[in-house]
Amino acid sequence: MTQQGAALQTYNNELVKCIEELCSKRDELNRQIQLEEEEKGRLQHDIRVLTEKLSRVNESLARRLTARADFDRTIAETEAAYMKVRPGFRGFIFSLFFQR
């Protein structure tokens, strides 16, 4: 019986050691999970901030593109009108110089 008792004690000690190792591994895993959850929270915050910033930039860009299109249209209309009056304007300037 003493041999059986010693064997049972050895098995018991090994079982306790295995349980302690599993607990240690679980604790390390919990620590890693906590770190990753914190990183996830930071990343989600950053994504929220960047998404809001992107939205503001898109709105600003849309306004600027509209303004540029307005400038382009105004320039084109003004150039077209100028080309229509240019020949007469040259004659007018020419006549001003010779009337003196």
N, C-alpha and C. Protein backbone atom coordinates (compact mmCIF):
# COMPACT_ATOMS: atom_id res chain seq x y z
N MET A 1 0.79 -1.19 0.00
CA MET A 1 0.00 0.00 0.00
C MET A 1 0.84 1.26 0.00
N THR A 2 2.00 1.18 0.55
CA THR A 2 2.85 2.35 0.61
C THR A 2 3.26 2.77 -0.80
N GLN A 3 3.53 1.76 -1.63
CA GLN A 3 3.87 2.08 -3.02
C GLN A 3 2.70 2.73 -3.73
N GLN A 4 1.53 2.23 -3.52
CA GLN A 4 0.34 2.81 -4.13
C GLN A 4 0.10 4.22 -3.60
N GLY A 5 0.32 4.43 -2.33
CA GLY A 5 0.15 5.75 -1.72
C GLY A 5 1.15 6.74 -2.31
N ALA A 6 2.40 6.27 -2.49
CA ALA A 6 3.43 7.13 -3.06
C ALA A 6 3.09 7.46 -4.51
N ALA A 7 2.59 6.46 -5.25
CA ALA A 7 2.21 6.69 -6.64
C ALA A 7 1.05 7.68 -6.72
N LEU A 8 0.06 7.52 -5.83
CA LEU A 8 -1.07 8.45 -5.80
C LEU A 8 -0.61 9.86 -5.45
N GLN A 9 0.34 9.94 -4.52
CA GLN A 9 0.86 11.25 -4.13
C GLN A 9 1.60 11.89 -5.31
N THR A 10 2.36 11.08 -6.05
CA THR A 10 3.07 11.58 -7.22
C THR A 10 2.08 12.08 -8.27
N TYR A 11 1.04 11.29 -8.54
CA TYR A 11 0.02 11.69 -9.51
C TYR A 11 -0.69 12.97 -9.04
N ASN A 12 -0.97 13.02 -7.76
CA ASN A 12 -1.61 14.20 -7.20
C ASN A 12 -0.73 15.44 -7.39
N ASN A 13 0.57 15.29 -7.10
CA ASN A 13 1.50 16.41 -7.26
C ASN A 13 1.60 16.85 -8.73
N GLU A 14 1.63 15.88 -9.63
CA GLU A 14 1.70 16.19 -11.06
C GLU A 14 0.42 16.89 -11.53
N LEU A 15 -0.72 16.42 -11.01
CA LEU A 15 -1.99 17.03 -11.36
C LEU A 15 -2.06 18.47 -10.87
N VAL A 16 -1.61 18.69 -9.64
CA VAL A 16 -1.59 20.05 -9.08
C VAL A 16 -0.66 20.93 -9.92
N LYS A 17 0.50 20.37 -10.31
CA LYS A 17 1.45 21.13 -11.12
C LYS A 17 0.83 21.47 -12.48
N CYS A 18 0.14 20.53 -13.11
CA CYS A 18 -0.52 20.77 -14.40
C CYS A 18 -1.60 21.84 -14.26
N ILE A 19 -2.38 21.77 -13.19
CA ILE A 19 -3.42 22.77 -12.96
C ILE A 19 -2.79 24.15 -12.79
N GLU A 20 -1.69 24.23 -12.04
CA GLU A 20 -1.00 25.50 -11.84
C GLU A 20 -0.46 26.05 -13.16
N GLU A 21 0.09 25.16 -14.00
CA GLU A 21 0.59 25.59 -15.31
C GLU A 21 -0.56 26.11 -16.19
N LEU A 22 -1.69 25.40 -16.16
CA LEU A 22 -2.85 25.84 -16.93
C LEU A 22 -3.35 27.20 -16.44
N CYS A 23 -3.37 27.38 -15.12
CA CYS A 23 -3.79 28.67 -14.56
C CYS A 23 -2.83 29.77 -14.98
N SER A 24 -1.55 29.47 -14.98
CA SER A 24 -0.55 30.45 -15.39
C SER A 24 -0.72 30.81 -16.87
N LYS A 25 -0.95 29.81 -17.70
CA LYS A 25 -1.17 30.06 -19.13
C LYS A 25 -2.45 30.86 -19.34
N ARG A 26 -3.49 30.55 -18.58
CA ARG A 26 -4.75 31.29 -18.68
C ARG A 26 -4.54 32.75 -18.27
N ASP A 27 -3.79 32.97 -17.19
CA ASP A 27 -3.51 34.34 -16.75
C ASP A 27 -2.75 35.13 -17.82
N GLU A 28 -1.77 34.49 -18.44
CA GLU A 28 -1.02 35.14 -19.52
C GLU A 28 -1.94 35.44 -20.70
N LEU A 29 -2.80 34.49 -21.03
CA LEU A 29 -3.75 34.69 -22.12
C LEU A 29 -4.71 35.84 -21.79
N ASN A 30 -5.18 35.91 -20.56
CA ASN A 30 -6.04 37.02 -20.14
C ASN A 30 -5.32 38.36 -20.28
N ARG A 31 -4.05 38.40 -19.93
CA ARG A 31 -3.26 39.62 -20.05
C ARG A 31 -3.17 40.04 -21.52
N GLN A 32 -2.90 39.07 -22.39
CA GLN A 32 -2.81 39.36 -23.82
C GLN A 32 -4.17 39.82 -24.38
N ILE A 33 -5.23 39.18 -23.93
CA ILE A 33 -6.58 39.57 -24.37
C ILE A 33 -6.87 41.01 -23.95
N GLN A 34 -6.52 41.34 -22.71
CA GLN A 34 -6.76 42.70 -22.22
C GLN A 34 -5.98 43.72 -23.05
N LEU A 35 -4.71 43.40 -23.37
CA LEU A 35 -3.91 44.31 -24.19
C LEU A 35 -4.52 44.50 -25.58
N GLU A 36 -4.98 43.41 -26.17
CA GLU A 36 -5.58 43.50 -27.50
C GLU A 36 -6.91 44.25 -27.47
N GLU A 37 -7.69 44.07 -26.40
CA GLU A 37 -8.95 44.80 -26.28
C GLU A 37 -8.68 46.30 -26.14
N GLU A 38 -7.63 46.65 -25.39
CA GLU A 38 -7.26 48.07 -25.27
C GLU A 38 -6.82 48.63 -26.62
N GLU A 39 -6.02 47.86 -27.34
CA GLU A 39 -5.57 48.28 -28.68
C GLU A 39 -6.77 48.42 -29.62
N LYS A 40 -7.70 47.49 -29.53
CA LYS A 40 -8.91 47.55 -30.36
C LYS A 40 -9.69 48.83 -30.06
N GLY A 41 -9.82 49.17 -28.79
CA GLY A 41 -10.52 50.39 -28.41
C GLY A 41 -9.83 51.63 -28.96
N ARG A 42 -8.49 51.66 -28.87
CA ARG A 42 -7.74 52.80 -29.42
C ARG A 42 -7.94 52.89 -30.93
N LEU A 43 -7.87 51.75 -31.60
CA LEU A 43 -8.04 51.75 -33.06
C LEU A 43 -9.44 52.18 -33.46
N GLN A 44 -10.45 51.73 -32.72
CA GLN A 44 -11.82 52.14 -33.04
C GLN A 44 -11.98 53.64 -32.84
N HIS A 45 -11.37 54.17 -31.79
CA HIS A 45 -11.41 55.62 -31.56
C HIS A 45 -10.73 56.35 -32.72
N ASP A 46 -9.54 55.87 -33.10
CA ASP A 46 -8.82 56.49 -34.22
C ASP A 46 -9.63 56.45 -35.51
N ILE A 47 -10.29 55.32 -35.75
CA ILE A 47 -11.11 55.18 -36.95
C ILE A 47 -12.26 56.19 -36.92
N ARG A 48 -12.89 56.34 -35.75
CA ARG A 48 -13.98 57.31 -35.61
C ARG A 48 -13.49 58.72 -35.90
N VAL A 49 -12.33 59.08 -35.31
CA VAL A 49 -11.77 60.41 -35.51
C VAL A 49 -11.42 60.63 -36.98
N LEU A 50 -10.76 59.64 -37.59
CA LEU A 50 -10.37 59.77 -39.00
C LEU A 50 -11.58 59.80 -39.93
N THR A 51 -12.61 59.04 -39.60
CA THR A 51 -13.82 59.04 -40.41
C THR A 51 -14.48 60.42 -40.39
N GLU A 52 -14.53 61.03 -39.19
CA GLU A 52 -15.09 62.38 -39.09
C GLU A 52 -14.24 63.38 -39.86
N LYS A 53 -12.93 63.24 -39.74
CA LYS A 53 -12.03 64.15 -40.46
C LYS A 53 -12.19 63.97 -41.97
N LEU A 54 -12.27 62.73 -42.42
CA LEU A 54 -12.47 62.46 -43.85
C LEU A 54 -13.77 63.08 -44.34
N SER A 55 -14.81 62.99 -43.54
CA SER A 55 -16.09 63.58 -43.92
C SER A 55 -15.97 65.09 -44.08
N ARG A 56 -15.28 65.74 -43.13
CA ARG A 56 -15.09 67.19 -43.23
C ARG A 56 -14.27 67.55 -44.47
N VAL A 57 -13.23 66.78 -44.75
CA VAL A 57 -12.39 67.05 -45.93
C VAL A 57 -13.21 66.85 -47.21
N ASN A 58 -14.02 65.82 -47.25
CA ASN A 58 -14.86 65.58 -48.44
C ASN A 58 -15.84 66.73 -48.66
N GLU A 59 -16.43 67.24 -47.57
CA GLU A 59 -17.36 68.36 -47.70
C GLU A 59 -16.63 69.61 -48.21
N SER A 60 -15.46 69.87 -47.65
CA SER A 60 -14.67 71.03 -48.07
C SER A 60 -14.26 70.88 -49.53
N LEU A 61 -13.82 69.70 -49.89
CA LEU A 61 -13.41 69.44 -51.27
C LEU A 61 -14.57 69.66 -52.24
N ALA A 62 -15.75 69.19 -51.86
CA ALA A 62 -16.92 69.37 -52.73
C ALA A 62 -17.22 70.85 -52.93
N ARG A 63 -17.14 71.63 -51.84
CA ARG A 63 -17.37 73.08 -51.97
C ARG A 63 -16.33 73.72 -52.88
N ARG A 64 -15.08 73.33 -52.72
CA ARG A 64 -14.01 73.91 -53.53
C ARG A 64 -14.15 73.51 -55.00
N LEU A 65 -14.53 72.27 -55.25
CA LEU A 65 -14.73 71.83 -56.63
C LEU A 65 -15.87 72.61 -57.29
N THR A 66 -16.92 72.85 -56.54
CA THR A 66 -18.03 73.64 -57.06
C THR A 66 -17.58 75.06 -57.36
N ALA A 67 -16.81 75.64 -56.45
CA ALA A 67 -16.30 77.01 -56.66
C ALA A 67 -15.39 77.06 -57.89
N ARG A 68 -14.55 76.04 -58.05
CA ARG A 68 -13.67 76.01 -59.22
C ARG A 68 -14.47 75.91 -60.51
N ALA A 69 -15.51 75.09 -60.49
CA ALA A 69 -16.36 74.96 -61.68
C ALA A 69 -17.03 76.30 -61.99
N ASP A 70 -17.44 77.01 -60.95
CA ASP A 70 -18.03 78.34 -61.16
C ASP A 70 -17.00 79.29 -61.78
N PHE A 71 -15.78 79.27 -61.26
CA PHE A 71 -14.72 80.10 -61.83
C PHE A 71 -14.47 79.73 -63.29
N ASP A 72 -14.38 78.43 -63.57
CA ASP A 72 -14.14 77.98 -64.95
C ASP A 72 -15.24 78.49 -65.88
N ARG A 73 -16.50 78.37 -65.43
CA ARG A 73 -17.62 78.81 -66.26
C ARG A 73 -17.57 80.33 -66.47
N THR A 74 -17.30 81.07 -65.41
CA THR A 74 -17.22 82.53 -65.52
C THR A 74 -16.09 82.95 -66.44
N ILE A 75 -14.95 82.31 -66.31
CA ILE A 75 -13.81 82.63 -67.18
C ILE A 75 -14.15 82.34 -68.64
N ALA A 76 -14.75 81.18 -68.88
CA ALA A 76 -15.10 80.82 -70.26
C ALA A 76 -16.11 81.81 -70.85
N GLU A 77 -17.12 82.18 -70.06
CA GLU A 77 -18.12 83.13 -70.54
C GLU A 77 -17.49 84.50 -70.80
N THR A 78 -16.61 84.92 -69.90
CA THR A 78 -15.95 86.23 -70.05
C THR A 78 -15.04 86.23 -71.26
N GLU A 79 -14.28 85.16 -71.46
CA GLU A 79 -13.40 85.08 -72.63
C GLU A 79 -14.21 85.09 -73.92
N ALA A 80 -15.33 84.38 -73.92
CA ALA A 80 -16.17 84.34 -75.12
C ALA A 80 -16.74 85.73 -75.42
N ALA A 81 -17.18 86.42 -74.40
CA ALA A 81 -17.71 87.77 -74.60
C ALA A 81 -16.61 88.71 -75.07
N TYR A 82 -15.43 88.56 -74.52
CA TYR A 82 -14.30 89.40 -74.91
C TYR A 82 -13.94 89.18 -76.37
N MET A 83 -13.95 87.93 -76.80
CA MET A 83 -13.62 87.63 -78.19
C MET A 83 -14.64 88.25 -79.15
N LYS A 84 -15.89 88.39 -78.69
CA LYS A 84 -16.91 89.01 -79.54
C LYS A 84 -16.69 90.51 -79.67
N VAL A 85 -16.28 91.17 -78.59
CA VAL A 85 -16.13 92.62 -78.64
C VAL A 85 -14.72 93.06 -79.00
N ARG A 86 -13.81 92.15 -79.03
CA ARG A 86 -12.41 92.48 -79.28
C ARG A 86 -12.18 93.20 -80.61
N PRO A 87 -12.71 92.69 -81.71
CA PRO A 87 -12.47 93.40 -82.98
C PRO A 87 -12.98 94.84 -82.95
N GLY A 88 -14.14 95.07 -82.40
CA GLY A 88 -14.67 96.42 -82.30
C GLY A 88 -13.87 97.26 -81.33
N PHE A 89 -13.36 96.65 -80.30
CA PHE A 89 -12.57 97.36 -79.30
C PHE A 89 -11.27 97.85 -79.91
N ARG A 90 -10.67 97.03 -80.75
CA ARG A 90 -9.43 97.45 -81.43
C ARG A 90 -9.68 98.67 -82.31
N GLY A 91 -10.78 98.63 -83.03
CA GLY A 91 -11.13 99.77 -83.88
C GLY A 91 -11.38 101.02 -83.05
N PHE A 92 -12.04 100.84 -81.91
CA PHE A 92 -12.33 101.97 -81.03
C PHE A 92 -11.03 102.58 -80.50
N ILE A 93 -10.11 101.77 -80.06
CA ILE A 93 -8.82 102.25 -79.56
C ILE A 93 -8.06 102.95 -80.69
N PHE A 94 -8.09 102.34 -81.86
CA PHE A 94 -7.39 102.91 -83.01
C PHE A 94 -7.96 104.29 -83.33
N SER A 95 -9.28 104.40 -83.31
CA SER A 95 -9.91 105.69 -83.63
C SER A 95 -9.61 106.73 -82.56
N LEU A 96 -9.47 106.32 -81.32
CA LEU A 96 -9.12 107.27 -80.25
C LEU A 96 -7.75 107.89 -80.50
N PHE A 97 -6.82 107.11 -80.94
CA PHE A 97 -5.47 107.62 -81.18
C PHE A 97 -5.43 108.59 -82.35
N PHE A 98 -6.22 108.32 -83.38
CA PHE A 98 -6.17 109.17 -84.57
C PHE A 98 -7.07 110.40 -84.47
N GLN A 99 -7.93 110.45 -83.49
CA GLN A 99 -8.80 111.62 -83.33
C GLN A 99 -8.08 112.73 -82.60
N ARG A 100 -7.00 112.51 -82.01
CA ARG A 100 -6.27 113.54 -81.26
C ARG A 100 -5.62 114.51 -82.13
